[in-house]
């Protein structure tokens, strides 16, 4: 057992534990709630929904539930393990994602570990209990397979079961096909310019092409069939997603939470410019594509991280190890250390203490996160208002805040269908604009409430809409706390009161 406490294994333990802590966070994603309800719906009805059942604005309209297996997985975790199950498993998935990334980095453990942790911190805004966590695990494994397929082409066939799983977990399966296509394009470029001999490249190129075709034929093997071929493109081209969903916005590089990403981007560019090391064409294509995607939409930052971290790690490896080859602290652990693995020493005792301390710290941190979950829920969602609505059901349509739609679905379905929730692809640009204009008091904002015969409004207490309704005849405050205010229609007579400048809409994506 003493060999388990050698320095390199302790380093791996500390690295994985740190990555686990990065992923162990409280649940605050507003979309998780309707994901859970969809999973519950699938179990109750024993079928995947193809039309909306949660809102009155789009009730009965076609809905592509492309995340159905992720939702079933999340609800299963919640039903068996509660918040602890969701948070712990999500943290473990995040740790696994970055451990696979670590395996793609330079063989120098400390350099690889440092850059991997840097990448985990850079992507911190994206981690949490959400279907995308599964997506990034699959991307990480997908890239590991492709990186190692050059030496062993048969590894590529493992992408087939992964694709079959992926097309049922999330529509981001298209990312796997794009990555495969870029590997194929890169091989062709290398052959065209004579960087690789044709005979040398042909076996791998043929395997890549066949793998791409077989993966493409697997896409319809999901409850939505061939519809999933076009769905990712429709989402990417959606103006509503790009105009109204914060997660689809470009990252605000003035915000501190995106500084680690910015430093990773600049550091990778600098390393490629200053360190003379040959970089494969597929890495250049993937880096350019992922950098563009991350700068275009913050939800794609993890994709850039999974591409950039191994490149930066290898560049630093050349700079540190090859130019300072006499420094044993940066050299890989080799066979020479095996003779000492079974001998107890002060160093082994120190490793034992470090490992024990790290495990205790992780346990205490996880307990703290679990204890805070009820407080986080109350801070981000209208828990008190929902309890009031349970005791005093509304007798008509409810107008709700975008970020609270999923929470109302989870807590009140089927008694109170929502106006809107995080399924932006379902609602489309018209309804998203209706919500935004009403919430921000733009234009004839009262028209939306009239058109949908709204009887109850549930919005943040400090929102512009709440301030406006306090001054409108016919609306009565039924419930109010620091988080939310509920207004009830008591026979409205709208006045020509000038609209107050509204808050900026800031919904999340799914």
Protein backbone atom coordinates (compact mmCIF):
# COMPACT_ATOMS: atom_id res chain seq x y z
CA UNK A 1 0.00 0.00 0.00
CA UNK A 2 2.95 2.33 0.51
CA UNK A 3 3.41 2.80 -3.23
CA UNK A 4 0.00 4.51 -3.30
CA UNK A 5 1.50 7.33 -1.23
CA UNK A 6 4.36 8.14 -3.58
CA UNK A 7 4.67 11.78 -4.62
CA UNK A 8 3.19 11.51 -8.09
CA UNK A 9 0.08 9.67 -6.89
CA UNK A 10 -0.40 12.22 -4.11
CA UNK A 11 -0.10 14.93 -6.73
CA UNK A 12 -2.82 13.25 -8.82
CA UNK A 13 -5.02 12.94 -5.72
CA UNK A 14 -4.62 16.62 -4.92
CA UNK A 15 -5.25 17.58 -8.55
CA UNK A 16 -8.44 15.52 -8.86
CA UNK A 17 -9.65 16.73 -5.46
CA UNK A 18 -9.10 20.34 -6.52
CA UNK A 19 -10.99 19.74 -9.76
CA UNK A 20 -13.80 18.14 -7.76
CA UNK A 21 -14.00 21.24 -5.58
CA UNK A 22 -14.23 23.47 -8.67
CA UNK A 23 -17.29 21.50 -9.75
CA UNK A 24 -18.87 21.20 -6.29
CA UNK A 25 -21.11 24.24 -6.17
CA UNK A 26 -24.60 25.14 -5.14
CA UNK A 27 -27.44 24.78 -7.60
CA UNK A 28 -28.47 28.17 -8.95
CA UNK A 29 -29.05 27.46 -12.65
CA UNK A 30 -32.63 28.58 -13.36
CA UNK A 31 -33.04 25.91 -16.04
CA UNK A 32 -32.37 22.96 -13.76
CA UNK A 33 -35.93 23.10 -12.46
CA UNK A 34 -37.65 22.46 -15.78
CA UNK A 35 -35.02 19.84 -16.59
CA UNK A 36 -36.02 18.02 -13.40
CA UNK A 37 -39.72 18.38 -14.19
CA UNK A 38 -39.17 17.03 -17.70
CA UNK A 39 -37.38 13.99 -16.28
CA UNK A 40 -40.26 13.48 -13.87
CA UNK A 41 -42.74 13.89 -16.74
CA UNK A 42 -40.94 11.24 -18.82
CA UNK A 43 -41.07 8.74 -15.97
CA UNK A 44 -44.71 9.48 -15.19
CA UNK A 45 -45.91 9.32 -18.81
CA UNK A 46 -43.34 6.76 -20.00
CA UNK A 47 -42.68 8.82 -23.11
CA UNK A 48 -40.54 11.72 -24.26
CA UNK A 49 -42.67 14.86 -24.77
CA UNK A 50 -42.95 16.21 -28.31
CA UNK A 51 -45.18 19.17 -27.46
CA UNK A 52 -45.12 21.75 -24.68
CA UNK A 53 -47.08 20.93 -21.54
CA UNK A 54 -45.63 23.53 -19.15
CA UNK A 55 -46.69 26.93 -20.53
CA UNK A 56 -49.92 28.53 -21.69
CA UNK A 57 -48.23 30.71 -24.31
CA UNK A 58 -46.86 27.70 -26.23
CA UNK A 59 -48.99 24.91 -24.77
CA UNK A 60 -49.45 22.05 -27.22
CA UNK A 61 -46.94 23.47 -29.71
CA UNK A 62 -44.07 21.26 -31.01
CA UNK A 63 -41.10 21.03 -28.68
CA UNK A 64 -37.80 19.25 -29.40
CA UNK A 65 -36.79 17.76 -26.04
CA UNK A 66 -33.25 17.08 -27.23
CA UNK A 67 -31.89 16.74 -23.67
CA UNK A 68 -34.37 14.04 -22.61
CA UNK A 69 -31.75 11.52 -21.44
CA UNK A 70 -29.84 14.18 -19.50
CA UNK A 71 -33.10 15.23 -17.85
CA UNK A 72 -33.91 11.65 -16.97
CA UNK A 73 -30.42 11.27 -15.51
CA UNK A 74 -30.68 14.46 -13.44
CA UNK A 75 -34.12 13.61 -12.11
CA UNK A 76 -32.96 10.09 -11.26
CA UNK A 77 -30.07 11.54 -9.26
CA UNK A 78 -32.40 13.96 -7.49
CA UNK A 79 -34.97 11.29 -6.68
CA UNK A 80 -32.39 8.93 -5.22
CA UNK A 81 -29.88 11.33 -3.66
CA UNK A 82 -31.55 14.74 -3.44
CA UNK A 83 -29.36 17.82 -3.76
CA UNK A 84 -26.38 15.86 -2.46
CA UNK A 85 -26.67 13.37 -5.32
CA UNK A 86 -26.92 16.10 -7.95
CA UNK A 87 -24.06 18.21 -6.59
CA UNK A 88 -21.65 15.34 -5.87
CA UNK A 89 -22.17 13.53 -9.17
CA UNK A 90 -21.92 16.80 -11.12
CA UNK A 91 -18.66 17.62 -9.34
CA UNK A 92 -17.34 14.12 -10.11
CA UNK A 93 -18.23 14.58 -13.82
CA UNK A 94 -16.39 17.91 -13.88
CA UNK A 95 -13.34 16.31 -12.22
CA UNK A 96 -13.42 13.44 -14.74
CA UNK A 97 -13.65 15.91 -17.63
CA UNK A 98 -10.49 17.67 -16.53
CA UNK A 99 -8.64 14.51 -15.59
CA UNK A 100 -9.15 13.32 -19.18
CA UNK A 101 -7.86 16.73 -20.25
CA UNK A 102 -4.83 16.27 -17.98
CA UNK A 103 -4.07 12.98 -19.76
CA UNK A 104 -3.87 14.88 -23.06
CA UNK A 105 -1.33 17.34 -21.68
CA UNK A 106 2.47 17.12 -21.60
CA UNK A 107 3.93 14.18 -19.69
CA UNK A 108 5.50 16.55 -17.18
CA UNK A 109 2.99 16.21 -14.31
CA UNK A 110 3.40 19.59 -12.59
CA UNK A 111 3.23 21.60 -15.80
CA UNK A 112 0.20 19.60 -16.97
CA UNK A 113 -1.47 19.91 -13.57
CA UNK A 114 -0.92 23.66 -13.36
CA UNK A 115 -2.38 24.36 -16.81
CA UNK A 116 -5.30 21.96 -16.20
CA UNK A 117 -6.27 23.77 -13.00
CA UNK A 118 -5.91 27.07 -14.83
CA UNK A 119 -8.35 25.77 -17.43
CA UNK A 120 -10.81 24.60 -14.77
CA UNK A 121 -10.78 28.05 -13.15
CA UNK A 122 -11.17 29.74 -16.55
CA UNK A 123 -14.31 27.74 -17.22
CA UNK A 124 -15.71 28.06 -13.69
CA UNK A 125 -18.77 30.14 -14.75
CA UNK A 126 -19.93 27.19 -16.89
CA UNK A 127 -19.67 24.37 -14.34
CA UNK A 128 -22.56 23.21 -12.19
CA UNK A 129 -25.57 20.91 -12.19
CA UNK A 130 -26.71 21.15 -15.81
CA UNK A 131 -26.82 18.99 -18.96
CA UNK A 132 -23.81 20.81 -20.47
CA UNK A 133 -21.64 19.21 -17.78
CA UNK A 134 -22.23 15.87 -19.50
CA UNK A 135 -21.51 17.45 -22.88
CA UNK A 136 -18.05 18.63 -21.84
CA UNK A 137 -17.22 15.21 -20.42
CA UNK A 138 -18.06 13.66 -23.79
CA UNK A 139 -16.05 16.32 -25.67
CA UNK A 140 -13.05 15.67 -23.41
CA UNK A 141 -13.24 11.91 -23.98
CA UNK A 142 -13.86 12.42 -27.70
CA UNK A 143 -10.71 14.53 -28.04
CA UNK A 144 -8.65 12.02 -26.06
CA UNK A 145 -9.73 9.23 -28.42
CA UNK A 146 -8.94 11.29 -31.52
CA UNK A 147 -5.55 12.39 -30.16
CA UNK A 148 -4.50 8.80 -29.55
CA UNK A 149 -6.08 7.34 -32.69
CA UNK A 150 -3.05 8.33 -34.75
CA UNK A 151 -1.11 5.51 -33.11
CA UNK A 152 -4.09 3.13 -32.96
CA UNK A 153 -6.88 3.71 -35.47
CA UNK A 154 -9.17 1.13 -33.87
CA UNK A 155 -9.75 3.55 -31.00
CA UNK A 156 -11.93 5.60 -33.34
CA UNK A 157 -14.69 2.98 -33.21
CA UNK A 158 -15.28 3.94 -29.56
CA UNK A 159 -16.77 7.17 -30.86
CA UNK A 160 -19.80 5.24 -32.16
CA UNK A 161 -21.29 4.26 -28.78
CA UNK A 162 -20.36 7.72 -27.52
CA UNK A 163 -22.29 9.34 -30.38
CA UNK A 164 -25.32 7.11 -29.75
CA UNK A 165 -25.30 8.30 -26.15
CA UNK A 166 -24.57 11.92 -27.07
CA UNK A 167 -27.46 12.40 -29.52
CA UNK A 168 -29.84 11.49 -26.70
CA UNK A 169 -28.14 13.57 -24.03
CA UNK A 170 -27.86 16.90 -25.86
CA UNK A 171 -28.01 18.46 -29.33
CA UNK A 172 -24.36 19.46 -28.89
CA UNK A 173 -23.56 16.08 -30.46
CA UNK A 174 -22.87 18.20 -33.56
CA UNK A 175 -19.68 19.37 -31.87
CA UNK A 176 -18.33 15.83 -32.09
CA UNK A 177 -18.99 15.75 -35.83
CA UNK A 178 -17.35 19.16 -36.28
CA UNK A 179 -14.25 17.99 -34.41
CA UNK A 180 -14.05 14.87 -36.59
CA UNK A 181 -14.44 16.97 -39.73
CA UNK A 182 -11.61 19.30 -38.64
CA UNK A 183 -9.32 16.30 -38.03
CA UNK A 184 -10.09 15.07 -41.55
CA UNK A 185 -9.49 18.52 -43.06
CA UNK A 186 -6.21 18.82 -41.16
CA UNK A 187 -4.96 15.46 -42.45
CA UNK A 188 -5.80 16.52 -46.02
CA UNK A 189 -3.97 19.83 -45.56
CA UNK A 190 -0.88 18.05 -44.22
CA UNK A 191 -0.87 15.67 -47.18
CA UNK A 192 -1.49 18.48 -49.68
CA UNK A 193 1.44 20.53 -48.46
CA UNK A 194 3.72 17.52 -48.09
CA UNK A 195 3.94 17.71 -44.31
CA UNK A 196 3.01 14.03 -44.10
CA UNK A 197 3.58 11.31 -46.68
CA UNK A 198 0.43 10.04 -48.43
CA UNK A 199 1.12 6.42 -47.54
CA UNK A 200 1.67 7.35 -43.92
CA UNK A 201 -1.51 9.40 -43.64
CA UNK A 202 -3.87 7.17 -45.64
CA UNK A 203 -4.82 4.58 -42.94
CA UNK A 204 -5.70 7.20 -40.35
CA UNK A 205 -7.47 9.41 -42.88
CA UNK A 206 -9.61 6.51 -44.11
CA UNK A 207 -10.48 5.53 -40.54
CA UNK A 208 -11.47 9.12 -39.73
CA UNK A 209 -13.68 9.37 -42.82
CA UNK A 210 -15.45 6.07 -42.11
CA UNK A 211 -15.92 7.03 -38.48
CA UNK A 212 -17.46 10.35 -39.50
CA UNK A 213 -19.93 8.66 -41.87
CA UNK A 214 -20.96 6.01 -39.34
CA UNK A 215 -21.42 8.65 -36.62
CA UNK A 216 -23.54 10.71 -39.00
CA UNK A 217 -25.88 7.77 -39.58
CA UNK A 218 -26.38 7.35 -35.82
CA UNK A 219 -27.89 10.82 -35.34
CA UNK A 220 -31.54 9.80 -36.06
CA UNK A 221 -31.42 7.15 -33.32
CA UNK A 222 -33.21 9.37 -30.83
CA UNK A 223 -36.89 10.13 -30.00
CA UNK A 224 -36.86 13.14 -32.36
CA UNK A 225 -35.47 11.18 -35.30
CA UNK A 226 -34.06 13.05 -38.30
CA UNK A 227 -35.32 16.32 -36.79
CA UNK A 228 -32.10 16.40 -34.77
CA UNK A 229 -30.03 16.83 -37.93
CA UNK A 230 -31.27 20.39 -38.39
CA UNK A 231 -31.96 21.36 -34.78
CA UNK A 232 -28.36 22.39 -33.84
CA UNK A 233 -28.13 24.66 -36.90
CA UNK A 234 -31.51 26.22 -36.14
CA UNK A 235 -30.36 26.97 -32.60
CA UNK A 236 -27.09 28.53 -33.76
CA UNK A 237 -28.92 30.73 -36.26
CA UNK A 238 -31.61 31.81 -33.80
CA UNK A 239 -31.58 35.58 -33.34
CA UNK A 240 -33.75 35.18 -30.25
CA UNK A 241 -31.08 33.09 -28.51
CA UNK A 242 -28.31 35.53 -29.39
CA UNK A 243 -30.30 38.67 -28.58
CA UNK A 244 -32.00 37.70 -25.32
CA UNK A 245 -30.12 34.82 -23.67
CA UNK A 246 -27.13 36.00 -21.64
CA UNK A 247 -25.25 32.72 -21.97
CA UNK A 248 -25.19 33.21 -25.74
CA UNK A 249 -23.67 36.69 -25.42
CA UNK A 250 -19.97 37.32 -25.98
CA UNK A 251 -18.01 37.17 -22.70
CA UNK A 252 -17.62 40.52 -20.98
CA UNK A 253 -13.84 40.66 -20.67
CA UNK A 254 -14.18 43.63 -18.29
CA UNK A 255 -15.71 41.23 -15.75
CA UNK A 256 -13.29 39.51 -13.38
CA UNK A 257 -14.93 36.12 -13.79
CA UNK A 258 -13.68 36.02 -17.40
CA UNK A 259 -10.12 37.17 -16.69
CA UNK A 260 -8.76 33.60 -16.28
CA UNK A 261 -10.22 32.79 -19.72
CA UNK A 262 -8.64 35.92 -21.21
CA UNK A 263 -5.25 35.06 -19.66
CA UNK A 264 -5.51 31.51 -21.02
CA UNK A 265 -6.28 32.86 -24.49
CA UNK A 266 -3.39 35.34 -24.40
CA UNK A 267 -1.05 32.82 -22.80
CA UNK A 268 -1.75 30.24 -25.52
CA UNK A 269 -1.16 32.79 -28.28
CA UNK A 270 2.09 33.94 -26.64
CA UNK A 271 3.33 30.38 -26.17
CA UNK A 272 2.68 29.54 -29.83
CA UNK A 273 4.48 32.72 -30.93
CA UNK A 274 7.53 32.54 -28.67
CA UNK A 275 8.25 28.84 -28.19
CA UNK A 276 9.59 27.12 -31.31
CA UNK A 277 7.65 23.86 -31.40
CA UNK A 278 5.85 22.26 -34.31
CA UNK A 279 2.06 22.19 -33.83
CA UNK A 280 -0.18 19.81 -35.77
CA UNK A 281 -2.63 21.35 -38.23
CA UNK A 282 -5.67 19.86 -36.48
CA UNK A 283 -4.64 21.64 -33.27
CA UNK A 284 -4.39 24.97 -35.13
CA UNK A 285 -7.82 24.49 -36.75
CA UNK A 286 -9.43 23.46 -33.48
CA UNK A 287 -7.80 26.34 -31.60
CA UNK A 288 -8.98 28.92 -34.14
CA UNK A 289 -12.49 27.49 -34.26
CA UNK A 290 -12.88 27.17 -30.50
CA UNK A 291 -11.42 30.65 -29.85
CA UNK A 292 -13.91 32.18 -32.27
CA UNK A 293 -16.77 30.22 -30.68
CA UNK A 294 -15.75 31.26 -27.14
CA UNK A 295 -15.44 34.93 -28.06
CA UNK A 296 -18.78 34.79 -29.87
CA UNK A 297 -20.63 33.03 -27.02
CA UNK A 298 -19.54 32.53 -23.43
CA UNK A 299 -21.23 29.12 -23.29
CA UNK A 300 -18.48 27.86 -25.65
CA UNK A 301 -15.59 28.84 -23.36
CA UNK A 302 -15.22 25.24 -22.06
CA UNK A 303 -14.72 24.06 -25.66
CA UNK A 304 -11.80 26.47 -26.05
CA UNK A 305 -10.36 25.32 -22.73
CA UNK A 306 -10.43 21.66 -23.78
CA UNK A 307 -8.50 22.59 -26.93
CA UNK A 308 -6.09 25.22 -25.58
CA UNK A 309 -4.90 23.58 -22.36
CA UNK A 310 -3.02 20.62 -23.98
CA UNK A 311 -1.43 22.96 -26.55
CA UNK A 312 -0.23 25.39 -23.89
CA UNK A 313 0.94 22.52 -21.70
CA UNK A 314 3.11 21.05 -24.46
CA UNK A 315 4.57 24.45 -25.29
CA UNK A 316 5.50 25.04 -21.65
CA UNK A 317 6.88 21.51 -21.43
CA UNK A 318 9.34 22.28 -24.22
CA UNK A 319 10.32 25.59 -22.69
CA UNK A 320 10.85 24.26 -19.14
CA UNK A 321 11.99 20.66 -19.59
CA UNK A 322 14.03 20.87 -22.76
CA UNK A 323 15.75 24.13 -21.84
CA UNK A 324 16.16 23.25 -18.16
CA UNK A 325 16.60 19.52 -18.47
CA UNK A 326 18.72 19.31 -15.34
CA UNK A 327 15.88 20.21 -13.00
CA UNK A 328 14.47 16.90 -11.64
CA UNK A 329 11.41 18.65 -10.21
CA UNK A 330 9.96 19.00 -13.71
CA UNK A 331 10.97 15.61 -15.04
CA UNK A 332 8.46 12.78 -15.43
CA UNK A 333 8.51 10.06 -12.81
CA UNK A 334 10.36 7.11 -14.33
CA UNK A 335 11.36 3.53 -13.43
CA UNK A 336 14.25 4.78 -11.30
CA UNK A 337 11.87 5.72 -8.53
CA UNK A 338 10.30 2.29 -8.27
CA UNK A 339 13.01 0.95 -5.98
CA UNK A 340 12.04 3.42 -3.31
CA UNK A 341 8.30 2.95 -3.43
CA UNK A 342 8.11 0.44 -0.63
CA UNK A 343 10.48 2.19 1.76
CA UNK A 344 8.89 4.32 4.47
CA UNK A 345 10.48 7.74 4.82
CA UNK A 346 9.72 11.22 6.18
CA UNK A 347 8.66 12.13 2.65
CA UNK A 348 6.13 9.31 2.70
CA UNK A 349 4.81 10.54 6.04
CA UNK A 350 4.47 14.04 4.64
CA UNK A 351 2.56 12.65 1.64
CA UNK A 352 0.23 10.80 4.00
CA UNK A 353 -0.49 13.97 5.96
CA UNK A 354 -1.10 15.96 2.76
CA UNK A 355 -3.46 13.32 1.34
CA UNK A 356 -5.41 13.09 4.59
CA UNK A 357 -5.67 16.88 4.91
CA UNK A 358 -6.91 17.20 1.31
CA UNK A 359 -9.58 14.54 1.80
CA UNK A 360 -10.78 16.19 5.04
CA UNK A 361 -10.85 19.61 3.36
CA UNK A 362 -12.91 18.27 0.44
CA UNK A 363 -15.39 16.62 2.81
CA UNK A 364 -15.80 19.79 4.88
CA UNK A 365 -16.27 21.90 1.76
CA UNK A 366 -18.90 19.56 0.35
CA UNK A 367 -20.80 19.55 3.65
CA UNK A 368 -20.71 23.35 3.61
CA UNK A 369 -22.08 23.48 0.06
CA UNK A 370 -24.92 21.11 0.93
CA UNK A 371 -25.82 23.11 4.04
CA UNK A 372 -26.01 26.31 1.98
CA UNK A 373 -28.28 24.90 -0.74
CA UNK A 374 -31.63 25.93 0.91
CA UNK A 375 -30.28 29.47 1.42
CA UNK A 376 -29.08 29.65 -2.20
CA UNK A 377 -32.50 28.56 -3.40
CA UNK A 378 -34.19 31.26 -1.36
CA UNK A 379 -31.71 33.88 -2.57
CA UNK A 380 -32.17 33.12 -6.28
CA UNK A 381 -35.76 31.96 -6.57
CA UNK A 382 -39.19 33.03 -5.24
CA UNK A 383 -39.55 30.30 -2.62
CA UNK A 384 -41.89 32.33 -0.41
CA UNK A 385 -44.03 33.47 -3.33
CA UNK A 386 -44.41 29.89 -4.52
CA UNK A 387 -45.59 28.76 -1.09
CA UNK A 388 -48.16 31.56 -1.18
CA UNK A 389 -49.39 30.46 -4.62
CA UNK A 390 -49.72 26.90 -3.39
CA UNK A 391 -52.05 28.07 -0.62
CA UNK A 392 -53.81 30.67 -2.82
CA UNK A 393 -53.98 29.24 -6.38
CA UNK A 394 -54.37 31.78 -9.15
CA UNK A 395 -57.58 31.81 -11.17
CA UNK A 396 -55.95 32.85 -14.43
CA UNK A 397 -52.71 33.10 -16.44
CA UNK A 398 -49.51 34.07 -14.61
CA UNK A 399 -46.91 36.45 -16.01
CA UNK A 400 -43.57 35.45 -14.54
CA UNK A 401 -39.92 36.49 -14.66
CA UNK A 402 -37.90 34.53 -17.25
CA UNK A 403 -35.40 33.13 -14.75
CA UNK A 404 -38.23 31.93 -12.49
CA UNK A 405 -40.23 30.04 -15.11
CA UNK A 406 -38.44 26.74 -14.51
CA UNK A 407 -38.82 27.08 -10.74
CA UNK A 408 -42.58 27.69 -11.09
CA UNK A 409 -42.85 24.67 -13.41
CA UNK A 410 -41.08 22.46 -10.85
CA UNK A 411 -43.12 23.69 -7.92
CA UNK A 412 -46.57 24.41 -9.40
CA UNK A 413 -47.07 22.24 -12.50
CA UNK A 414 -49.74 21.44 -13.64
CA UNK A 415 -51.81 23.93 -11.60
CA UNK A 416 -50.14 27.12 -12.88
CA UNK A 417 -48.75 27.06 -16.45
CA UNK A 418 -46.06 29.69 -16.97
CA UNK A 419 -45.79 32.55 -19.42
CA UNK A 420 -42.15 31.79 -20.23
CA UNK A 421 -39.15 29.78 -19.02
CA UNK A 422 -35.61 28.89 -20.11
CA UNK A 423 -36.63 26.99 -23.26
CA UNK A 424 -35.87 29.94 -25.52
CA UNK A 425 -35.88 27.76 -28.65
CA UNK A 426 -39.51 26.86 -27.93
CA UNK A 427 -40.76 30.41 -27.35
CA UNK A 428 -39.00 32.07 -30.25
CA UNK A 429 -38.11 35.68 -30.85
CA UNK A 430 -41.66 37.09 -30.70
CA UNK A 431 -42.50 35.81 -27.21
CA UNK A 432 -39.03 36.57 -25.86
CA UNK A 433 -39.39 40.14 -27.12
CA UNK A 434 -42.88 40.36 -25.60
CA UNK A 435 -41.50 39.33 -22.25
CA UNK A 436 -38.48 41.65 -22.48
CA UNK A 437 -40.57 44.66 -23.51
CA UNK A 438 -43.07 44.09 -20.72
CA UNK A 439 -40.47 43.39 -18.04
CA UNK A 440 -38.43 46.43 -19.07
CA UNK A 441 -41.48 48.66 -19.67
CA UNK A 442 -40.68 49.24 -23.33
CA UNK A 443 -43.27 50.43 -25.82
CA UNK A 444 -46.85 49.41 -25.06
CA UNK A 445 -45.78 47.04 -22.31
CA UNK A 446 -49.33 46.71 -20.94
CA UNK A 447 -50.52 45.11 -24.18
CA UNK A 448 -48.87 41.80 -23.31
CA UNK A 449 -50.82 41.54 -20.04
CA UNK A 450 -54.04 42.34 -21.87
CA UNK A 451 -53.41 40.00 -24.80
CA UNK A 452 -52.83 36.99 -22.57
CA UNK A 453 -55.51 37.95 -20.00
CA UNK A 454 -52.94 37.86 -17.23
CA UNK A 455 -54.47 37.64 -13.75
CA UNK A 456 -51.29 37.26 -11.67
CA UNK A 457 -47.81 38.74 -12.03
CA UNK A 458 -44.81 37.26 -10.21
CA UNK A 459 -41.68 39.38 -10.61
CA UNK A 460 -38.64 40.50 -8.59
CA UNK A 461 -39.57 43.03 -5.91
CA UNK A 462 -37.08 45.59 -7.20
CA UNK A 463 -37.94 45.24 -10.90
CA UNK A 464 -39.24 48.09 -13.02
CA UNK A 465 -42.43 46.14 -13.75
CA UNK A 466 -43.11 45.78 -10.02
CA UNK A 467 -42.66 49.52 -9.54
CA UNK A 468 -45.02 50.26 -12.43
CA UNK A 469 -47.75 47.88 -11.26
CA UNK A 470 -47.68 49.42 -7.78
CA UNK A 471 -48.86 52.63 -9.44
CA UNK A 472 -51.44 51.04 -11.72
CA UNK A 473 -55.12 50.98 -10.75
CA UNK A 474 -56.60 47.50 -10.75
CA UNK A 475 -53.52 45.68 -9.46
CA UNK A 476 -53.24 44.64 -5.81
CA UNK A 477 -50.17 43.31 -4.03
CA UNK A 478 -51.14 39.85 -2.78
CA UNK A 479 -47.70 38.87 -1.48
CA UNK A 480 -44.36 40.62 -1.06
CA UNK A 481 -40.95 39.83 0.37
CA UNK A 482 -37.40 40.90 -0.43
CA UNK A 483 -37.23 38.45 -3.32
CA UNK A 484 -40.58 38.67 -5.10
CA UNK A 485 -43.86 40.51 -5.33
CA UNK A 486 -47.13 38.95 -6.46
CA UNK A 487 -49.70 41.24 -8.09
CA UNK A 488 -53.30 40.17 -8.58
CA UNK A 489 -55.73 41.64 -11.09
CA UNK A 490 -58.66 43.26 -9.29
CA UNK A 491 -60.26 44.93 -12.28
CA UNK A 492 -57.58 46.87 -14.13
CA UNK A 493 -57.98 50.35 -15.50
CA UNK A 494 -54.64 51.19 -17.08
CA UNK A 495 -53.52 54.80 -16.91
CA UNK A 496 -51.24 56.64 -19.29
CA UNK A 497 -48.48 56.70 -16.70
CA UNK A 498 -45.05 57.16 -18.25
CA UNK A 499 -42.99 53.97 -18.23
CA UNK A 500 -40.15 53.73 -15.77
CA UNK A 501 -36.76 52.78 -17.19
CA UNK A 502 -36.52 49.00 -16.81
CA UNK A 503 -33.87 46.62 -15.63
CA UNK A 504 -31.72 44.87 -18.16
CA UNK A 505 -33.01 41.45 -19.05
CA UNK A 506 -30.50 38.80 -18.02
CA UNK A 507 -31.88 35.31 -18.47
CA UNK A 508 -29.71 32.23 -18.63
CA UNK A 509 -29.59 29.66 -21.37
CA UNK A 510 -30.28 25.96 -20.97
